[in-house]
Protein backbone atom coordinates (compact mmCIF):
# COMPACT_ATOMS: atom_id res chain seq x y z
CA MET A 1 -5.33 4.17 11.33
CA LEU A 2 -5.64 -0.10 11.09
CA LYS A 3 -9.63 0.41 9.82
CA ARG A 4 -8.33 2.94 7.32
CA LEU A 5 -5.81 -0.26 6.77
CA ARG A 6 -8.22 -2.94 6.94
CA VAL A 7 -10.22 -0.33 3.79
CA LYS A 8 -7.19 0.00 1.66
CA LEU A 9 -6.90 -3.35 1.89
CA VAL A 10 -9.91 -4.30 0.35
CA CYS A 11 -10.24 -2.04 -2.00
CA ILE A 12 -6.72 -2.62 -3.50
CA ASN A 13 -7.91 -6.29 -3.46
CA MET A 14 -11.28 -5.55 -5.41
CA ALA A 15 -9.92 -3.32 -7.69
CA LEU A 16 -7.11 -6.25 -8.68
CA LEU A 17 -9.74 -8.74 -9.21
CA MET A 18 -12.62 -7.02 -10.72
CA THR A 19 -9.65 -5.87 -12.89
CA MET A 20 -9.11 -9.27 -13.94
CA LEU A 21 -12.91 -11.13 -13.94
CA CYS A 22 -13.60 -8.62 -16.00
CA VAL A 23 -11.32 -8.86 -18.51
CA ILE A 24 -11.51 -12.84 -18.38
CA LEU A 25 -15.51 -12.94 -18.66
CA GLY A 26 -14.50 -9.96 -21.98
CA LEU A 27 -11.82 -12.52 -23.66
CA VAL A 28 -15.07 -15.11 -22.77
CA VAL A 29 -17.37 -13.25 -25.20
CA ARG A 30 -14.96 -12.12 -27.49
CA PHE A 31 -13.50 -15.24 -27.83
CA THR A 32 -17.03 -17.42 -28.01
CA ARG A 33 -18.39 -14.71 -30.72
CA ALA A 34 -15.53 -14.87 -33.06
CA GLY A 35 -15.83 -18.78 -32.73
CA LEU A 36 -19.42 -18.31 -34.01
CA GLU A 37 -17.87 -15.97 -36.91
CA ALA A 38 -15.35 -18.14 -37.91
CA GLU A 39 -17.88 -21.42 -37.50
CA SER A 40 -20.31 -19.32 -39.38
CA LEU A 41 -18.21 -18.36 -42.51
CA ARG A 42 -16.51 -21.45 -43.26
CA MET A 43 -20.54 -23.07 -43.25
CA MET A 44 -21.33 -20.17 -45.62
CA GLN A 45 -17.66 -21.29 -47.82
CA ALA A 46 -19.30 -25.29 -47.56
CA ALA A 47 -22.75 -23.73 -48.93
CA ALA A 48 -21.20 -22.23 -52.03
CA ARG A 49 -18.67 -25.29 -53.26
CA PRO A 50 -21.08 -26.60 -56.05
CA ALA A 51 -21.45 -30.89 -55.12
CA PRO A 52 -18.90 -33.31 -57.00
CA PRO A 53 -21.00 -34.85 -59.83
CA GLY A 54 -23.10 -37.67 -58.69
CA HIS A 55 -23.72 -36.68 -55.79
CA HIS A 56 -26.90 -35.07 -54.23
CA ASN A 57 -25.85 -33.84 -50.82
CA ARG A 58 -23.05 -31.10 -51.36
CA LEU A 59 -23.04 -30.43 -47.67
CA PRO A 60 -20.60 -32.21 -44.94
CA GLU A 61 -22.57 -34.25 -41.85
CA ASP A 62 -22.32 -31.47 -39.68
CA PHE A 63 -23.32 -28.76 -41.87
CA ARG A 64 -26.23 -27.07 -39.88
CA LEU A 65 -26.34 -23.21 -40.47
CA PRO A 66 -29.51 -22.49 -42.48
CA CYS A 67 -27.73 -20.62 -45.80
CA LEU A 68 -29.27 -18.80 -48.46
CA VAL A 69 -26.74 -19.04 -52.12
CA LEU A 70 -27.61 -16.20 -54.94
CA ARG A 71 -25.31 -17.28 -58.00
CA LEU A 72 -24.90 -14.28 -59.85
CA SER A 73 -24.53 -14.13 -63.56
CA ARG A 74 -20.90 -12.76 -65.05
CA ASP A 75 -22.30 -9.23 -65.08
CA GLY A 76 -23.36 -9.67 -61.37
CA GLN A 77 -27.28 -8.14 -62.16
CA ALA A 78 -29.06 -11.31 -62.61
CA PHE A 79 -29.18 -14.07 -60.13
CA THR A 80 -30.79 -17.62 -59.04
CA GLY A 81 -31.81 -18.17 -55.86
CA ASP A 82 -35.00 -17.97 -53.73
CA GLY A 83 -35.07 -15.67 -50.68
CA ALA A 84 -38.50 -17.48 -49.50
CA PRO A 85 -37.07 -19.25 -46.54
CA TYR A 86 -36.23 -16.42 -44.82
CA GLY A 87 -39.69 -13.87 -45.40
CA LEU A 88 -37.87 -11.73 -48.70
CA SER A 89 -39.16 -10.96 -51.57
CA ARG A 90 -37.47 -10.54 -55.36
CA ALA A 91 -36.66 -6.73 -54.64
CA ASP A 92 -35.67 -7.53 -51.10
CA LEU A 93 -33.15 -9.85 -52.16
CA GLU A 94 -31.91 -7.63 -55.28
CA ALA A 95 -31.79 -4.80 -52.32
CA ALA A 96 -29.44 -7.02 -50.49
CA VAL A 97 -27.21 -7.83 -52.86
CA GLN A 98 -26.31 -4.27 -53.89
CA ARG A 99 -25.88 -3.01 -50.58
CA ALA A 100 -23.54 -6.33 -49.78
CA ALA A 101 -21.36 -4.87 -53.39
CA ALA A 102 -21.58 -1.63 -52.49
CA ALA A 103 -20.27 -2.48 -49.09
CA GLY A 104 -16.96 -3.24 -50.55
CA ALA A 105 -15.91 -6.24 -48.56
CA PRO A 106 -16.13 -9.99 -48.84
CA ALA A 107 -18.09 -10.59 -45.77
CA GLY A 108 -20.27 -8.20 -43.35
CA ILE A 109 -23.49 -7.70 -41.57
CA LEU A 110 -26.70 -6.40 -43.44
CA GLU A 111 -28.19 -4.71 -40.20
CA GLU A 112 -31.83 -4.17 -41.70
CA TYR A 113 -31.96 -7.99 -42.89
CA GLY A 114 -30.35 -9.23 -40.37
CA LEU A 115 -28.20 -11.13 -42.61
CA ARG A 116 -24.41 -12.22 -42.67
CA TYR A 117 -23.23 -11.68 -46.31
CA LEU A 118 -20.26 -13.51 -47.84
CA TRP A 119 -18.60 -12.88 -50.93
CA VAL A 120 -17.37 -16.49 -52.63
CA GLY A 121 -15.54 -16.50 -56.46
CA GLY A 122 -14.90 -19.29 -58.38
CA PRO A 123 -16.08 -20.29 -61.24
CA GLU A 124 -19.05 -18.10 -60.94
CA THR A 125 -19.84 -15.58 -58.24
CA CYS A 126 -21.69 -16.28 -55.52
CA LEU A 127 -23.51 -13.86 -52.44
CA VAL A 128 -24.11 -16.24 -49.72
CA LEU A 129 -26.70 -15.16 -46.71
CA ALA A 130 -27.12 -16.72 -44.03
CA ASP A 131 -28.94 -14.97 -40.58
CA VAL A 132 -27.08 -14.65 -37.82
CA SER A 133 -30.36 -13.80 -35.45
CA GLN A 134 -29.34 -17.51 -33.18
CA GLU A 135 -25.52 -16.07 -33.13
CA ARG A 136 -26.27 -12.59 -31.68
CA ALA A 137 -29.49 -14.56 -29.64
CA ALA A 138 -26.22 -16.97 -28.29
CA LEU A 139 -24.03 -13.94 -27.51
CA SER A 140 -26.55 -12.27 -25.42
CA HIS A 141 -27.49 -15.28 -23.26
CA LEU A 142 -23.44 -15.44 -22.94
CA ALA A 143 -23.41 -11.83 -21.71
CA ARG A 144 -26.35 -12.23 -19.78
CA ASN A 145 -24.50 -15.38 -17.68
CA CYS A 146 -21.51 -13.51 -17.50
CA VAL A 147 -23.06 -10.56 -16.15
CA LEU A 148 -24.63 -12.73 -13.97
CA ALA A 149 -20.92 -14.22 -13.00
CA GLY A 150 -19.60 -10.89 -12.70
CA CYS A 151 -21.97 -10.31 -9.83
CA LEU A 152 -21.87 -13.32 -7.96
CA GLY A 153 -17.94 -13.31 -8.13
CA PHE A 154 -18.63 -9.97 -6.87
CA GLY A 155 -19.60 -11.10 -4.00
CA ILE A 156 -17.50 -13.97 -3.34
CA LEU A 157 -15.35 -11.91 -4.00
CA LEU A 158 -15.39 -8.91 -1.55
CA LEU A 159 -16.52 -11.15 1.49
CA VAL A 160 -13.13 -13.36 0.92
CA SER A 161 -10.93 -9.64 0.45
CA LEU A 162 -12.16 -8.81 3.72
CA LEU A 163 -11.29 -11.88 5.36
CA LEU A 164 -7.55 -11.82 3.37
CA ALA A 165 -7.74 -8.35 4.58
CA ARG A 166 -8.24 -8.71 8.57
CA TRP A 167 -6.10 -11.93 8.03
CA ALA A 168 -3.17 -10.07 6.67
CA VAL A 169 -3.88 -6.75 9.35
CA ARG A 170 -3.25 -9.17 11.80
CA PRO A 171 0.18 -9.09 12.74
CA VAL A 172 -0.11 -5.85 12.10
CA GLU A 173 -2.69 -4.73 15.15
CA ARG A 174 -0.77 -7.49 17.19
CA VAL A 175 2.50 -5.78 16.49
CA TRP A 176 0.40 -2.19 17.33
CA GLU A 177 -0.39 -3.16 20.60
CA GLN A 178 3.19 -4.77 21.39
CA GLN A 179 3.98 -0.77 20.37
CA ARG A 180 1.73 0.62 22.64
CA GLN A 181 3.03 -1.79 25.23
CA PHE A 182 5.99 -1.31 24.81
CA VAL A 183 5.47 2.77 25.24
CA ALA A 184 3.41 2.39 28.27
CA ASP A 185 5.88 0.87 30.12
CA ALA A 186 8.93 2.86 28.51
CA SER A 187 7.33 4.97 30.02
CA HIS A 188 6.83 3.90 33.05
CA GLU A 189 9.93 2.63 34.18
CA LEU A 190 11.53 6.13 33.40
CA LYS A 191 9.25 8.05 35.00
CA THR A 192 10.45 6.70 38.74
CA PRO A 193 13.63 7.52 37.82
CA LEU A 194 13.04 10.92 36.46
CA THR A 195 10.51 11.90 39.92
CA VAL A 196 13.46 10.71 42.69
CA ILE A 197 16.54 12.86 40.15
CA MET A 198 13.64 15.40 40.00
CA THR A 199 12.60 15.31 43.89
CA SER A 200 16.43 15.08 44.79
CA ALA A 201 17.34 17.85 42.81
CA GLU A 202 14.54 20.40 44.12
CA LEU A 203 15.55 19.48 47.70
CA LEU A 204 19.18 20.48 46.90
CA GLN A 205 17.18 23.81 45.49
CA ASN A 206 16.34 24.10 49.38
CA PRO A 207 18.76 21.79 51.80
CA GLY A 208 16.55 21.15 55.05
CA GLU A 209 17.28 18.12 57.02
CA THR A 210 18.47 15.30 54.82
CA SER A 211 22.18 15.50 53.53
CA SER A 212 22.95 16.90 50.13
CA ARG A 213 25.39 13.50 50.04
CA GLN A 214 22.48 11.22 50.15
CA LEU A 215 20.37 13.72 47.51
CA ALA A 216 23.21 13.22 45.07
CA ALA A 217 23.74 10.01 45.79
CA ASN A 218 19.69 9.57 45.14
CA ILE A 219 20.35 11.14 41.72
CA LEU A 220 23.39 8.90 40.62
CA THR A 221 21.21 6.17 41.47
CA GLU A 222 18.89 6.55 39.60
CA SER A 223 20.76 7.95 36.73
CA ARG A 224 22.57 4.78 36.86
CA GLN A 225 19.03 3.52 36.63
CA MET A 226 18.73 4.87 33.77
CA ARG A 227 21.16 4.61 31.52
CA GLY A 228 20.62 0.57 32.13
CA LEU A 229 17.45 0.95 30.80
CA VAL A 230 18.33 3.76 27.63
CA GLU A 231 21.10 1.29 26.89
CA SER A 232 19.53 -2.01 27.23
CA LEU A 233 16.67 -0.56 24.93
CA LEU A 234 19.49 0.56 21.91
CA GLU A 235 20.59 -2.99 22.43
CA LEU A 236 16.51 -3.97 21.51
CA ALA A 237 16.37 -1.89 18.88
CA ARG A 238 19.64 -2.86 17.24
CA VAL A 239 18.48 -6.65 17.81
CA ASP A 240 15.32 -5.75 16.13
CA SER A 241 17.28 -3.94 12.93
CA GLY A 242 18.44 -7.16 11.45
CA ALA A 243 21.91 -5.68 10.96
CA ALA A 244 23.99 -7.85 12.67
CA GLY A 245 22.72 -10.73 10.20
CA GLN A 246 25.35 -9.40 7.95
CA ASP A 247 28.58 -9.91 10.08
CA HIS A 248 28.22 -13.87 10.84
CA VAL A 249 30.85 -15.91 9.97
CA PRO A 250 31.92 -19.36 11.78
CA LEU A 251 32.87 -19.36 15.30
CA ASP A 252 34.20 -21.70 18.18
CA LEU A 253 30.86 -21.64 20.24
CA SER A 254 32.08 -24.02 22.66
CA ARG A 255 35.14 -21.77 23.54
CA LEU A 256 32.98 -18.98 23.00
CA THR A 257 30.72 -20.58 25.69
CA ALA A 258 33.64 -21.09 27.79
CA ASP A 259 34.81 -17.59 28.27
CA ALA A 260 31.41 -16.16 28.79
CA ILE A 261 31.16 -18.33 31.86
CA LEU A 262 34.94 -16.99 33.39
CA PRO A 263 33.29 -13.93 34.45
CA PHE A 264 30.59 -15.06 35.82
CA GLU A 265 32.43 -17.13 38.44
CA ALA A 266 33.66 -14.28 41.07
CA LEU A 267 30.02 -13.33 41.13
CA PHE A 268 28.34 -16.50 42.03
CA PHE A 269 30.93 -17.33 44.43
CA GLU A 270 30.25 -13.98 46.05
CA ARG A 271 26.61 -14.69 46.26
CA GLY A 272 26.58 -18.05 47.60
CA LEU A 273 26.44 -20.06 44.16
CA SER A 274 28.00 -23.02 42.45
CA LEU A 275 28.34 -22.93 38.54
CA ALA A 276 28.79 -26.27 36.79
CA GLU A 277 29.68 -26.78 32.99
CA GLU A 278 28.44 -29.29 30.60
CA ILE A 279 30.03 -28.21 27.27
CA GLU A 280 30.66 -30.58 24.93
CA GLY A 281 33.83 -29.56 22.68
CA GLY A 282 34.30 -28.99 18.75
CA ILE A 283 30.68 -27.35 18.36
CA THR A 284 30.64 -24.63 15.59
CA VAL A 285 28.14 -22.75 14.29
CA ARG A 286 27.66 -18.94 11.93
CA GLY A 287 26.86 -16.18 13.51
CA CYS A 288 27.98 -13.06 15.45
CA GLY A 289 30.54 -13.64 18.16
CA ALA A 290 29.37 -10.55 20.38
CA ARG A 291 25.79 -11.42 19.88
CA LEU A 292 25.75 -15.11 20.85
CA ARG A 293 28.30 -14.39 23.71
CA GLN A 294 25.21 -11.42 24.94
CA ILE A 295 22.84 -14.77 25.24
CA VAL A 296 25.01 -16.58 27.79
CA GLU A 297 25.66 -13.65 29.72
CA ILE A 298 22.10 -12.67 29.79
CA PHE A 299 21.45 -16.14 30.71
CA LEU A 300 23.47 -16.35 33.09
CA ASP A 301 22.76 -13.38 34.42
CA ASN A 302 19.34 -14.16 34.95
CA ALA A 303 19.52 -17.44 36.78
CA GLN A 304 22.09 -15.34 39.25
CA LYS A 305 19.27 -13.77 40.06
CA TYR A 306 16.48 -15.91 40.48
CA SER A 307 18.34 -18.89 41.53
CA ALA A 308 17.47 -20.24 45.17
CA PRO A 309 20.30 -19.31 48.11
CA GLY A 310 23.19 -22.28 47.66
CA GLY A 311 21.79 -24.15 44.16
CA THR A 312 24.21 -24.47 41.53
CA VAL A 313 23.66 -23.12 38.10
CA THR A 314 24.64 -25.66 35.93
CA VAL A 315 25.62 -24.39 31.79
CA SER A 316 25.15 -27.43 29.49
CA LEU A 317 25.62 -27.37 25.43
CA LYS A 318 25.68 -30.34 23.47
CA ARG A 319 24.89 -31.26 19.96
CA LYS A 320 21.29 -32.44 18.86
CA GLY A 321 20.93 -34.08 16.16
CA ARG A 322 23.40 -33.90 13.42
CA ALA A 323 22.89 -30.44 12.33
CA ARG A 324 21.69 -28.57 15.57
CA CYS A 325 22.97 -27.59 19.13
CA LEU A 326 22.16 -27.25 22.81
CA LEU A 327 22.49 -24.31 24.66
CA ARG A 328 20.61 -24.90 28.64
CA VAL A 329 21.30 -22.46 31.64
CA SER A 330 19.25 -23.81 34.38
CA ASN A 331 18.83 -23.10 38.05
CA PRO A 332 17.02 -23.87 40.94
CA GLY A 333 14.28 -21.54 42.23
CA GLU A 334 10.88 -20.88 42.17
CA ALA A 335 8.94 -22.32 39.61
CA ILE A 336 7.62 -20.89 36.61
CA PRO A 337 4.02 -21.46 35.72
CA GLY A 338 3.46 -23.09 32.54
CA GLU A 339 1.34 -20.27 31.87
CA GLU A 340 4.37 -17.49 31.95
CA LEU A 341 6.63 -19.60 30.23
CA SER A 342 6.24 -17.84 26.92
CA SER A 343 5.67 -14.62 28.60
CA ILE A 344 8.90 -14.14 30.28
CA PHE A 345 10.35 -13.26 26.85
CA LYS A 346 7.92 -10.26 26.26
CA ARG A 347 9.43 -7.49 26.70
CA PHE A 348 8.92 -5.70 30.18
CA TYR A 349 7.66 -8.56 31.54
CA ARG A 350 8.96 -9.50 34.80
CA LEU A 351 6.84 -11.99 37.48
CA ASP A 352 8.64 -9.99 40.36
CA ARG A 353 7.92 -6.16 39.61
CA ALA A 354 10.20 -5.57 42.41
CA ARG A 355 13.28 -6.85 40.76
CA SER A 356 13.31 -3.42 38.66
CA LEU A 357 15.16 -2.23 41.73
CA ASN A 358 18.05 -4.25 40.84
CA GLY A 359 18.54 -3.88 37.77
CA SER A 360 16.03 -6.08 36.29
CA TYR A 361 14.05 -4.06 33.14
CA GLY A 362 12.26 -6.98 31.47
CA LEU A 363 14.60 -6.37 27.86
CA GLY A 364 17.45 -9.67 29.30
CA LEU A 365 15.12 -12.20 27.87
CA SER A 366 13.20 -10.50 24.56
CA ILE A 367 17.11 -9.75 23.78
CA ALA A 368 18.07 -13.15 23.34
CA ARG A 369 15.13 -14.21 21.71
CA GLY A 370 15.65 -11.68 19.64
CA ILE A 371 19.45 -12.86 19.02
CA ALA A 372 18.32 -16.32 18.31
CA GLU A 373 15.43 -15.88 15.76
CA GLU A 374 18.42 -13.48 14.03
CA HIS A 375 20.51 -16.85 13.72
CA HIS A 376 17.65 -19.23 12.94
CA GLY A 377 17.70 -20.80 15.87
CA LYS A 378 14.31 -21.29 19.13
CA ILE A 379 14.33 -19.86 22.44
CA TRP A 380 12.16 -21.02 25.08
CA ALA A 381 12.14 -21.70 28.58
CA GLU A 382 11.50 -24.59 31.10
CA SER A 383 10.24 -25.29 34.14
CA ALA A 384 9.98 -28.78 36.32
CA GLY A 385 10.80 -30.34 39.72
CA GLY A 386 11.87 -27.11 41.40
CA ILE A 387 14.37 -26.40 38.03
CA ASN A 388 13.65 -23.97 35.88
CA ALA A 389 16.07 -23.50 32.71
CA PHE A 390 16.29 -21.51 29.43
CA CYS A 391 17.37 -23.31 26.19
CA VAL A 392 18.82 -22.19 23.44
CA GLU A 393 18.67 -23.88 19.79
CA LEU A 394 21.02 -23.26 17.10
CA PRO A 395 22.35 -24.62 13.62
CA ALA A 396 25.68 -26.35 14.11
CA GLY A 397 28.35 -27.44 11.71
CA PRO A 398 29.70 -30.52 10.80
């Protein structure tokens, strides 16, 4: 599919670019032809004008077009002029005059002689003839150069289109690969609880040594595991949709963070952990309160799962400059390798795969990243000196 997409992009780009190139080169030839014709007619008109008294050279200094001026009598039958420079006999000149008169146009081309003619009125009627062979040779040379430039341009544009198509499809390839990985991970996460549920249900149909209560407990546990996973997947889909950005309102992030910490105090106490707060008051942001609170909850839930026994989890919220604020949740624990500090925000990514048995699906931090990006913020992880920290930087109001 991606290969077909690249081919389609290349074809579309080449069609558009070559159309533009052909139009540009065609206009160049057309305007050049019109310019040469206009210049030729200007020279022919200058050649037909009689010289002022006392002036032997009646042509302008920039006059370079060889012209033959035939001055006709009042009845249009007789004319004066010599066609020798063009290799034309008297009979040829008479035929040329007759054909120019029969054309009925003030200017045109006599194809059989390769001459342009121009009728000029005034005290006496003049028929001006000029050779167009050089003009046509110049246009032919220009057209040939345009064709060569078009072929060269086609090759260059094809190469550029291939590179652009590869560059444009690269994000699609990345998303496609992520989607495939997501489907594979989700299938793997759902496969285990489904297997346990099916096995327990089959044993319930054939009572044996295992008690029905234990089998029912297994089914209930795995069903809750699946429900939690499905709810996380739905939440991740809502974050990815970006629809929540429509309900952003100004809110007090300091108070929201303090309120989000309260429900975790009892949980931390039961696990033998300490919870410390360093919250600067009066920090306001524009966003969705429920989603920003969810970031705090995800960070705290992650901290209580991975914190070292008896450790202290610190939640800090401070201003960073004049228009930013920094939310940071840190806890002592096993160091996170540097190469995995960015990978932990990927979907279904877990440093310890065994954590899935405790309700960790590897989706929480991915959801937090989506919420942070939705609020035009940045999210990252740090690990140094035995302390792991998760940080979110958000735009803040005055």
